[in-house]
């Protein structure tokens, strides 16, 4: 999962909120809408941030298209806030720009004396879509370095989730129920039953699929990159 993420606001990971759902008590904002006066400022600014980052690196749309594998027309629509990028598309844009999701959000530091705290009751969480899977984003704060997500994986094939995608940072996965299959580039697929967990460098292209028709549910925690985590060359891996 490119989660990633994600949080910090979930928008930075390209996660798409399910329309018509009321936000949870955790007060997260993840929807990237195509219009409307109630759209969160961060979502409205996503396209502008991408354009500013591209221009700061002296990249043309054609050059970013080549490095990210995303067509120039699609990139233009994203920059002009006419298209909500999917999880996979946003991940590839970040790879092409050599940034992580924190760069997109422009995180703000905690005020002096302020401490990070967020609580969610059972059933809370902003409904969202992570690639082809339904998910609930439990906490999404600008100041946080991690994004916790409950994900319900139903897809059985890699092609259904967009293949393997890597992103800066680290990722933790804990299987809550069912059978989950974790795919990591150059590694044999790892079949994970309820209670199994994994922690890995999310620069490695990866994806989750279900190991059974009944699906799988897992807790995914995406941790953004810190300095040395985004090592040169690591983000050049593509599928």
C-alpha atoms as a PDB file:
ATOM      1  CA  UNK A   1       0.000   0.000   0.000  1.00  0.00           C
ATOM      2  CA  UNK A   2       1.310   3.411  -0.844  1.00  0.00           C
ATOM      3  CA  UNK A   3       0.122   4.603   2.225  1.00  0.00           C
ATOM      4  CA  UNK A   4       0.392   5.853   1.422  1.00  0.00           C
ATOM      5  CA  UNK A   5      -1.227   6.953   2.883  1.00  0.00           C
ATOM      6  CA  UNK A   6      -2.157   8.943   3.105  1.00  0.00           C
ATOM      7  CA  UNK A   7      -2.497  11.271   6.701  1.00  0.00           C
ATOM      8  CA  UNK A   8      -1.278  13.923   8.236  1.00  0.00           C
ATOM      9  CA  UNK A   9      -4.245  13.841   5.826  1.00  0.00           C
ATOM     10  CA  UNK A  10      -5.300  10.829   3.932  1.00  0.00           C
ATOM     11  CA  UNK A  11      -5.516  12.918   0.814  1.00  0.00           C
ATOM     12  CA  UNK A  12      -1.781  12.924   0.590  1.00  0.00           C
ATOM     13  CA  UNK A  13      -1.812   9.252  -0.146  1.00  0.00           C
ATOM     14  CA  UNK A  14      -4.470   9.510  -2.826  1.00  0.00           C
ATOM     15  CA  UNK A  15      -7.073   7.679  -0.806  1.00  0.00           C
ATOM     16  CA  UNK A  16     -10.549   8.514  -2.053  1.00  0.00           C
ATOM     17  CA  UNK A  17     -13.398   9.030   0.375  1.00  0.00           C
ATOM     18  CA  UNK A  18     -16.688   7.282  -0.260  1.00  0.00           C
ATOM     19  CA  UNK A  19     -19.310   9.891  -1.231  1.00  0.00           C
ATOM     20  CA  UNK A  20     -22.439  10.312   0.843  1.00  0.00           C
ATOM     21  CA  UNK A  21     -20.822   9.134   4.059  1.00  0.00           C
ATOM     22  CA  UNK A  22     -20.715  11.258   7.184  1.00  0.00           C
ATOM     23  CA  UNK A  23     -17.204  11.888   8.584  1.00  0.00           C
ATOM     24  CA  UNK A  24     -16.376  10.034  11.775  1.00  0.00           C
ATOM     25  CA  UNK A  25     -15.725  11.541  15.184  1.00  0.00           C
ATOM     26  CA  UNK A  26     -12.032  11.524  14.357  1.00  0.00           C
ATOM     27  CA  UNK A  27     -12.791  14.561  12.141  1.00  0.00           C
ATOM     28  CA  UNK A  28     -10.679  13.416   9.215  1.00  0.00           C
ATOM     29  CA  UNK A  29     -10.925  15.032   5.794  1.00  0.00           C
ATOM     30  CA  UNK A  30      -9.979  12.816   2.913  1.00  0.00           C
ATOM     31  CA  UNK A  31     -12.344  13.494   0.027  1.00  0.00           C
ATOM     32  CA  UNK A  32     -10.964  14.939  -3.182  1.00  0.00           C
ATOM     33  CA  UNK A  33     -14.099  16.261  -4.811  1.00  0.00           C
ATOM     34  CA  UNK A  34     -14.648  17.831  -8.193  1.00  0.00           C
ATOM     35  CA  UNK A  35     -16.479  20.903  -7.028  1.00  0.00           C
ATOM     36  CA  UNK A  36     -18.571  22.374  -4.258  1.00  0.00           C
ATOM     37  CA  UNK A  37     -17.995  25.087  -1.713  1.00  0.00           C
ATOM     38  CA  UNK A  38     -17.579  22.642   1.159  1.00  0.00           C
ATOM     39  CA  UNK A  39     -14.410  21.134  -0.244  1.00  0.00           C
ATOM     40  CA  UNK A  40     -11.522  21.193   2.279  1.00  0.00           C
ATOM     41  CA  UNK A  41      -8.820  23.689   1.398  1.00  0.00           C
ATOM     42  CA  UNK A  42      -6.116  21.001   1.415  1.00  0.00           C
ATOM     43  CA  UNK A  43      -7.961  19.060  -1.293  1.00  0.00           C
ATOM     44  CA  UNK A  44      -8.452  22.165  -3.389  1.00  0.00           C
ATOM     45  CA  UNK A  45      -4.751  22.891  -3.091  1.00  0.00           C
ATOM     46  CA  UNK A  46      -3.549  19.403  -4.056  1.00  0.00           C
ATOM     47  CA  UNK A  47      -3.329  20.172  -7.763  1.00  0.00           C
ATOM     48  CA  UNK A  48      -1.631  23.492  -7.051  1.00  0.00           C
ATOM     49  CA  UNK A  49       0.883  21.803  -4.764  1.00  0.00           C
ATOM     50  CA  UNK A  50       1.706  19.199  -7.390  1.00  0.00           C
ATOM     51  CA  UNK A  51       2.192  21.905 -10.019  1.00  0.00           C
ATOM     52  CA  UNK A  52       4.346  23.997  -7.663  1.00  0.00           C
ATOM     53  CA  UNK A  53       6.505  20.999  -6.783  1.00  0.00           C
ATOM     54  CA  UNK A  54       6.882  20.089 -10.461  1.00  0.00           C
ATOM     55  CA  UNK A  55       7.853  23.615 -11.418  1.00  0.00           C
ATOM     56  CA  UNK A  56      10.253  23.907  -8.468  1.00  0.00           C
ATOM     57  CA  UNK A  57      12.107  20.933  -9.942  1.00  0.00           C
ATOM     58  CA  UNK A  58      12.043  22.533 -13.414  1.00  0.00           C
ATOM     59  CA  UNK A  59      10.067  19.631 -14.823  1.00  0.00           C
ATOM     60  CA  UNK A  60       7.666  19.939 -17.723  1.00  0.00           C
ATOM     61  CA  UNK A  61       4.451  17.916 -17.823  1.00  0.00           C
ATOM     62  CA  UNK A  62       6.100  15.725 -20.448  1.00  0.00           C
ATOM     63  CA  UNK A  63       9.099  15.058 -18.199  1.00  0.00           C
ATOM     64  CA  UNK A  64       6.918  14.228 -15.194  1.00  0.00           C
ATOM     65  CA  UNK A  65       4.826  12.008 -17.431  1.00  0.00           C
ATOM     66  CA  UNK A  66       7.948  10.092 -18.440  1.00  0.00           C
ATOM     67  CA  UNK A  67       9.243   9.682 -14.876  1.00  0.00           C
ATOM     68  CA  UNK A  68       5.878   8.775 -13.364  1.00  0.00           C
ATOM     69  CA  UNK A  69       4.292   6.763 -16.154  1.00  0.00           C
ATOM     70  CA  UNK A  70       1.172   8.973 -15.992  1.00  0.00           C
ATOM     71  CA  UNK A  71      -0.024  10.637 -19.189  1.00  0.00           C
ATOM     72  CA  UNK A  72       0.482  14.374 -19.553  1.00  0.00           C
ATOM     73  CA  UNK A  73      -3.254  14.882 -20.074  1.00  0.00           C
ATOM     74  CA  UNK A  74      -4.041  13.139 -16.786  1.00  0.00           C
ATOM     75  CA  UNK A  75      -1.381  15.145 -14.955  1.00  0.00           C
ATOM     76  CA  UNK A  76      -2.802  18.377 -16.355  1.00  0.00           C
ATOM     77  CA  UNK A  77      -6.300  17.492 -15.153  1.00  0.00           C
ATOM     78  CA  UNK A  78      -4.957  16.671 -11.678  1.00  0.00           C
ATOM     79  CA  UNK A  79      -3.032  19.956 -11.477  1.00  0.00           C
ATOM     80  CA  UNK A  80      -6.147  21.868 -12.495  1.00  0.00           C
ATOM     81  CA  UNK A  81      -8.268  20.049  -9.899  1.00  0.00           C
ATOM     82  CA  UNK A  82     -10.418  18.445 -12.596  1.00  0.00           C
ATOM     83  CA  UNK A  83      -9.530  14.869 -11.674  1.00  0.00           C
ATOM     84  CA  UNK A  84      -9.317  13.045  -8.346  1.00  0.00           C
ATOM     85  CA  UNK A  85      -6.150  10.923  -8.517  1.00  0.00           C
ATOM     86  CA  UNK A  86      -6.484   7.327  -7.398  1.00  0.00           C
ATOM     87  CA  UNK A  87      -4.189   5.842  -4.792  1.00  0.00           C
ATOM     88  CA  UNK A  88      -1.960   4.278  -7.442  1.00  0.00           C
ATOM     89  CA  UNK A  89      -1.814   7.363  -9.654  1.00  0.00           C
ATOM     90  CA  UNK A  90      -0.872   9.673  -6.790  1.00  0.00           C
ATOM     91  CA  UNK A  91       1.820   7.243  -5.667  1.00  0.00           C
ATOM     92  CA  UNK A  92       3.378   7.309  -9.125  1.00  0.00           C
ATOM     93  CA  UNK A  93       3.206  11.097  -9.228  1.00  0.00           C
ATOM     94  CA  UNK A  94       5.116  11.199  -5.930  1.00  0.00           C
ATOM     95  CA  UNK A  95       7.708   8.806  -7.352  1.00  0.00           C
ATOM     96  CA  UNK A  96       8.073  10.966 -10.444  1.00  0.00           C
ATOM     97  CA  UNK A  97       8.572  14.080  -8.304  1.00  0.00           C
ATOM     98  CA  UNK A  98      10.806  12.253  -5.783  1.00  0.00           C
ATOM     99  CA  UNK A  99       8.655  13.342  -2.845  1.00  0.00           C
ATOM    100  CA  UNK A 100       6.599  11.670  -0.120  1.00  0.00           C
ATOM    101  CA  UNK A 101       3.030  12.361   0.933  1.00  0.00           C
ATOM    102  CA  UNK A 102       4.136  14.781   3.647  1.00  0.00           C
ATOM    103  CA  UNK A 103       5.500  17.074   0.939  1.00  0.00           C
ATOM    104  CA  UNK A 104       2.064  17.262  -0.640  1.00  0.00           C
ATOM    105  CA  UNK A 105       0.231  18.119   2.555  1.00  0.00           C
ATOM    106  CA  UNK A 106       2.680  20.678   3.850  1.00  0.00           C
ATOM    107  CA  UNK A 107       2.390  19.466   7.472  1.00  0.00           C
ATOM    108  CA  UNK A 108       2.183  22.053  10.185  1.00  0.00           C
ATOM    109  CA  UNK A 109       4.077  21.589  13.471  1.00  0.00           C
ATOM    110  CA  UNK A 110       2.397  21.313  16.837  1.00  0.00           C
ATOM    111  CA  UNK A 111       2.007  24.562  18.726  1.00  0.00           C
ATOM    112  CA  UNK A 112       4.242  25.138  21.728  1.00  0.00           C
ATOM    113  CA  UNK A 113       3.107  22.863  24.558  1.00  0.00           C
ATOM    114  CA  UNK A 114       0.611  21.038  22.343  1.00  0.00           C
ATOM    115  CA  UNK A 115       0.559  17.238  22.362  1.00  0.00           C
ATOM    116  CA  UNK A 116      -0.706  14.993  19.604  1.00  0.00           C
ATOM    117  CA  UNK A 117      -3.899  13.155  20.606  1.00  0.00           C
ATOM    118  CA  UNK A 118      -6.741  11.586  18.641  1.00  0.00           C
ATOM    119  CA  UNK A 119      -9.416   9.122  19.756  1.00  0.00           C
ATOM    120  CA  UNK A 120     -11.894   6.956  17.886  1.00  0.00           C
ATOM    121  CA  UNK A 121     -14.757   4.854  19.179  1.00  0.00           C
ATOM    122  CA  UNK A 122     -15.658   1.396  17.815  1.00  0.00           C
ATOM    123  CA  UNK A 123     -17.130   1.861  14.361  1.00  0.00           C
ATOM    124  CA  UNK A 124     -15.542   5.280  13.880  1.00  0.00           C
ATOM    125  CA  UNK A 125     -13.393   6.031  10.867  1.00  0.00           C
ATOM    126  CA  UNK A 126     -13.785   7.878   7.580  1.00  0.00           C
ATOM    127  CA  UNK A 127     -15.029   5.462   4.881  1.00  0.00           C
ATOM    128  CA  UNK A 128     -12.588   5.449   1.988  1.00  0.00           C
ATOM    129  CA  UNK A 129     -11.301   3.488  -0.982  1.00  0.00           C
ATOM    130  CA  UNK A 130      -7.697   2.310  -1.009  1.00  0.00           C
ATOM    131  CA  UNK A 131      -7.001   1.090  -4.505  1.00  0.00           C
ATOM    132  CA  UNK A 132      -9.771  -1.521  -4.966  1.00  0.00           C
ATOM    133  CA  UNK A 133     -10.446  -2.113  -1.270  1.00  0.00           C
ATOM    134  CA  UNK A 134     -12.900  -0.559   1.161  1.00  0.00           C
ATOM    135  CA  UNK A 135     -11.231   1.060   4.144  1.00  0.00           C
ATOM    136  CA  UNK A 136     -11.781   3.146   7.254  1.00  0.00           C
ATOM    137  CA  UNK A 137      -9.206   5.818   8.088  1.00  0.00           C
ATOM    138  CA  UNK A 138      -9.044   5.865  11.881  1.00  0.00           C
ATOM    139  CA  UNK A 139      -6.973   8.994  12.498  1.00  0.00           C
ATOM    140  CA  UNK A 140      -5.693  11.580  10.048  1.00  0.00           C
ATOM    141  CA  UNK A 141      -3.831  14.535  11.516  1.00  0.00           C
ATOM    142  CA  UNK A 142      -1.526  17.022   9.823  1.00  0.00           C
ATOM    143  CA  UNK A 143       0.967  16.760  12.668  1.00  0.00           C
ATOM    144  CA  UNK A 144       1.065  12.941  12.854  1.00  0.00           C
ATOM    145  CA  UNK A 145       3.816  10.860  11.270  1.00  0.00           C
ATOM    146  CA  UNK A 146       1.596   7.805  10.829  1.00  0.00           C
ATOM    147  CA  UNK A 147      -1.717   6.944   9.187  1.00  0.00           C
ATOM    148  CA  UNK A 148      -3.708   3.995  10.629  1.00  0.00           C
ATOM    149  CA  UNK A 149      -6.216   2.359   8.303  1.00  0.00           C
ATOM    150  CA  UNK A 150      -8.548  -0.634   8.610  1.00  0.00           C
ATOM    151  CA  UNK A 151      -8.767  -2.213   5.176  1.00  0.00           C
ATOM    152  CA  UNK A 152     -11.165  -4.847   3.846  1.00  0.00           C
ATOM    153  CA  UNK A 153      -9.401  -6.669   1.003  1.00  0.00           C
ATOM    154  CA  UNK A 154     -11.570  -8.571  -1.475  1.00  0.00           C
ATOM    155  CA  UNK A 155      -9.508  -8.520  -4.667  1.00  0.00           C
ATOM    156  CA  UNK A 156      -7.790 -11.800  -5.512  1.00  0.00           C
ATOM    157  CA  UNK A 157      -5.502 -10.701  -8.346  1.00  0.00           C
ATOM    158  CA  UNK A 158      -2.678  -8.139  -8.489  1.00  0.00           C
ATOM    159  CA  UNK A 159      -4.146  -6.702 -11.674  1.00  0.00           C
ATOM    160  CA  UNK A 160      -7.301  -5.777  -9.756  1.00  0.00           C
ATOM    161  CA  UNK A 161      -5.365  -3.531  -7.341  1.00  0.00           C
ATOM    162  CA  UNK A 162      -3.093  -1.877  -9.894  1.00  0.00           C
ATOM    163  CA  UNK A 163      -0.003  -4.032  -9.440  1.00  0.00           C
ATOM    164  CA  UNK A 164       2.937  -3.390  -7.128  1.00  0.00           C
ATOM    165  CA  UNK A 165       3.554   0.187  -5.990  1.00  0.00           C
ATOM    166  CA  UNK A 166       6.235   1.571  -3.669  1.00  0.00           C
ATOM    167  CA  UNK A 167       6.391   4.812  -1.697  1.00  0.00           C
ATOM    168  CA  UNK A 168       8.703   6.403   0.853  1.00  0.00           C
ATOM    169  CA  UNK A 169       8.494   5.454   4.499  1.00  0.00           C
ATOM    170  CA  UNK A 170       7.638   2.273   6.375  1.00  0.00           C
ATOM    171  CA  UNK A 171       4.485   0.185   6.544  1.00  0.00           C
ATOM    172  CA  UNK A 172       3.056  -2.076   9.254  1.00  0.00           C
ATOM    173  CA  UNK A 173       0.356  -4.642   8.551  1.00  0.00           C
ATOM    174  CA  UNK A 174      -1.589  -6.735  11.092  1.00  0.00           C
ATOM    175  CA  UNK A 175      -4.180  -9.225   9.841  1.00  0.00           C
ATOM    176  CA  UNK A 176      -7.394  -8.998  11.850  1.00  0.00           C
ATOM    177  CA  UNK A 177      -9.374 -11.714  10.067  1.00  0.00           C
ATOM    178  CA  UNK A 178      -9.292 -13.915   6.996  1.00  0.00           C
ATOM    179  CA  UNK A 179      -6.252 -14.650   4.847  1.00  0.00           C
ATOM    180  CA  UNK A 180      -4.173 -11.821   3.392  1.00  0.00           C
ATOM    181  CA  UNK A 181      -1.472 -12.234   0.761  1.00  0.00           C
ATOM    182  CA  UNK A 182       1.316  -9.651   0.844  1.00  0.00           C
ATOM    183  CA  UNK A 183       3.229  -9.239  -2.415  1.00  0.00           C
ATOM    184  CA  UNK A 184       6.666  -7.606  -2.262  1.00  0.00           C
ATOM    185  CA  UNK A 185       8.855  -7.120  -5.322  1.00  0.00           C
ATOM    186  CA  UNK A 186      11.456  -9.892  -5.760  1.00  0.00           C
ATOM    187  CA  UNK A 187       9.966 -11.837  -2.827  1.00  0.00           C
ATOM    188  CA  UNK A 188       7.687 -14.848  -2.766  1.00  0.00           C
ATOM    189  CA  UNK A 189       4.082 -13.908  -1.871  1.00  0.00           C
ATOM    190  CA  UNK A 190       3.566 -14.122   1.881  1.00  0.00           C
ATOM    191  CA  UNK A 191       0.325 -15.730   3.039  1.00  0.00           C
ATOM    192  CA  UNK A 192      -0.765 -14.168   6.330  1.00  0.00           C
ATOM    193  CA  UNK A 193      -3.482 -15.540   8.613  1.00  0.00           C
ATOM    194  CA  UNK A 194      -5.301 -13.674  11.385  1.00  0.00           C
ATOM    195  CA  UNK A 195      -2.777 -12.556  13.997  1.00  0.00           C
ATOM    196  CA  UNK A 196       0.152 -12.399  11.563  1.00  0.00           C
ATOM    197  CA  UNK A 197       1.951  -9.117  10.974  1.00  0.00           C
ATOM    198  CA  UNK A 198       4.601  -7.539   8.783  1.00  0.00           C
ATOM    199  CA  UNK A 199       6.801  -4.452   8.909  1.00  0.00           C
ATOM    200  CA  UNK A 200       8.699  -3.397   5.808  1.00  0.00           C
ATOM    201  CA  UNK A 201      10.358  -0.560   3.921  1.00  0.00           C
ATOM    202  CA  UNK A 202       7.522   0.743   1.781  1.00  0.00           C
ATOM    203  CA  UNK A 203       9.946   1.884  -0.906  1.00  0.00           C
ATOM    204  CA  UNK A 204       9.677  -1.755  -1.974  1.00  0.00           C
ATOM    205  CA  UNK A 205       6.845  -2.051  -4.507  1.00  0.00           C
ATOM    206  CA  UNK A 206       4.067  -3.989  -2.799  1.00  0.00           C
ATOM    207  CA  UNK A 207       0.383  -4.842  -2.789  1.00  0.00           C
ATOM    208  CA  UNK A 208      -2.209  -6.734  -0.761  1.00  0.00           C
ATOM    209  CA  UNK A 209      -4.741  -9.221  -2.122  1.00  0.00           C
ATOM    210  CA  UNK A 210      -7.097 -11.653  -0.444  1.00  0.00           C
ATOM    211  CA  UNK A 211      -6.054 -15.277  -0.092  1.00  0.00           C
ATOM    212  CA  UNK A 212      -9.659 -16.530   0.025  1.00  0.00           C
ATOM    213  CA  UNK A 213     -13.045 -15.718  -1.489  1.00  0.00           C
ATOM    214  CA  UNK A 214     -14.247 -14.531   1.915  1.00  0.00           C
ATOM    215  CA  UNK A 215     -11.725 -11.671   1.909  1.00  0.00           C
ATOM    216  CA  UNK A 216      -9.436 -10.386   4.637  1.00  0.00           C
ATOM    217  CA  UNK A 217      -9.404  -7.487   7.070  1.00  0.00           C
ATOM    218  CA  UNK A 218      -6.192  -5.848   8.261  1.00  0.00           C
ATOM    219  CA  UNK A 219      -4.837  -2.880  10.167  1.00  0.00           C
ATOM    220  CA  UNK A 220      -2.352  -0.957   8.038  1.00  0.00           C
ATOM    221  CA  UNK A 221      -0.185   1.769   9.549  1.00  0.00           C
ATOM    222  CA  UNK A 222       1.759   3.888   7.101  1.00  0.00           C
ATOM    223  CA  UNK A 223       4.668   5.879   8.499  1.00  0.00           C
ATOM    224  CA  UNK A 224       6.034   8.728   6.429  1.00  0.00           C
ATOM    225  CA  UNK A 225       9.686   8.955   5.495  1.00  0.00           C
ATOM    226  CA  UNK A 226      12.193  10.674   7.769  1.00  0.00           C
ATOM    227  CA  UNK A 227      15.275  12.088   6.039  1.00  0.00           C
ATOM    228  CA  UNK A 228      17.444   9.056   5.432  1.00  0.00           C
ATOM    229  CA  UNK A 229      14.433   6.812   4.823  1.00  0.00           C
ATOM    230  CA  UNK A 230      14.046   8.298   1.374  1.00  0.00           C
ATOM    231  CA  UNK A 231      17.352   6.964   0.118  1.00  0.00           C
ATOM    232  CA  UNK A 232      18.533   7.942  -3.371  1.00  0.00           C
ATOM    233  CA  UNK A 233      17.355   5.525  -5.982  1.00  0.00           C
ATOM    234  CA  UNK A 234      14.869   3.768  -3.761  1.00  0.00           C
ATOM    235  CA  UNK A 235      11.921   5.520  -5.345  1.00  0.00           C
ATOM    236  CA  UNK A 236      13.054   4.651  -8.852  1.00  0.00           C
ATOM    237  CA  UNK A 237      11.468   1.214  -8.611  1.00  0.00           C
ATOM    238  CA  UNK A 238       8.476   0.972 -10.889  1.00  0.00           C
ATOM    239  CA  UNK A 239       6.097  -1.659 -12.173  1.00  0.00           C
END
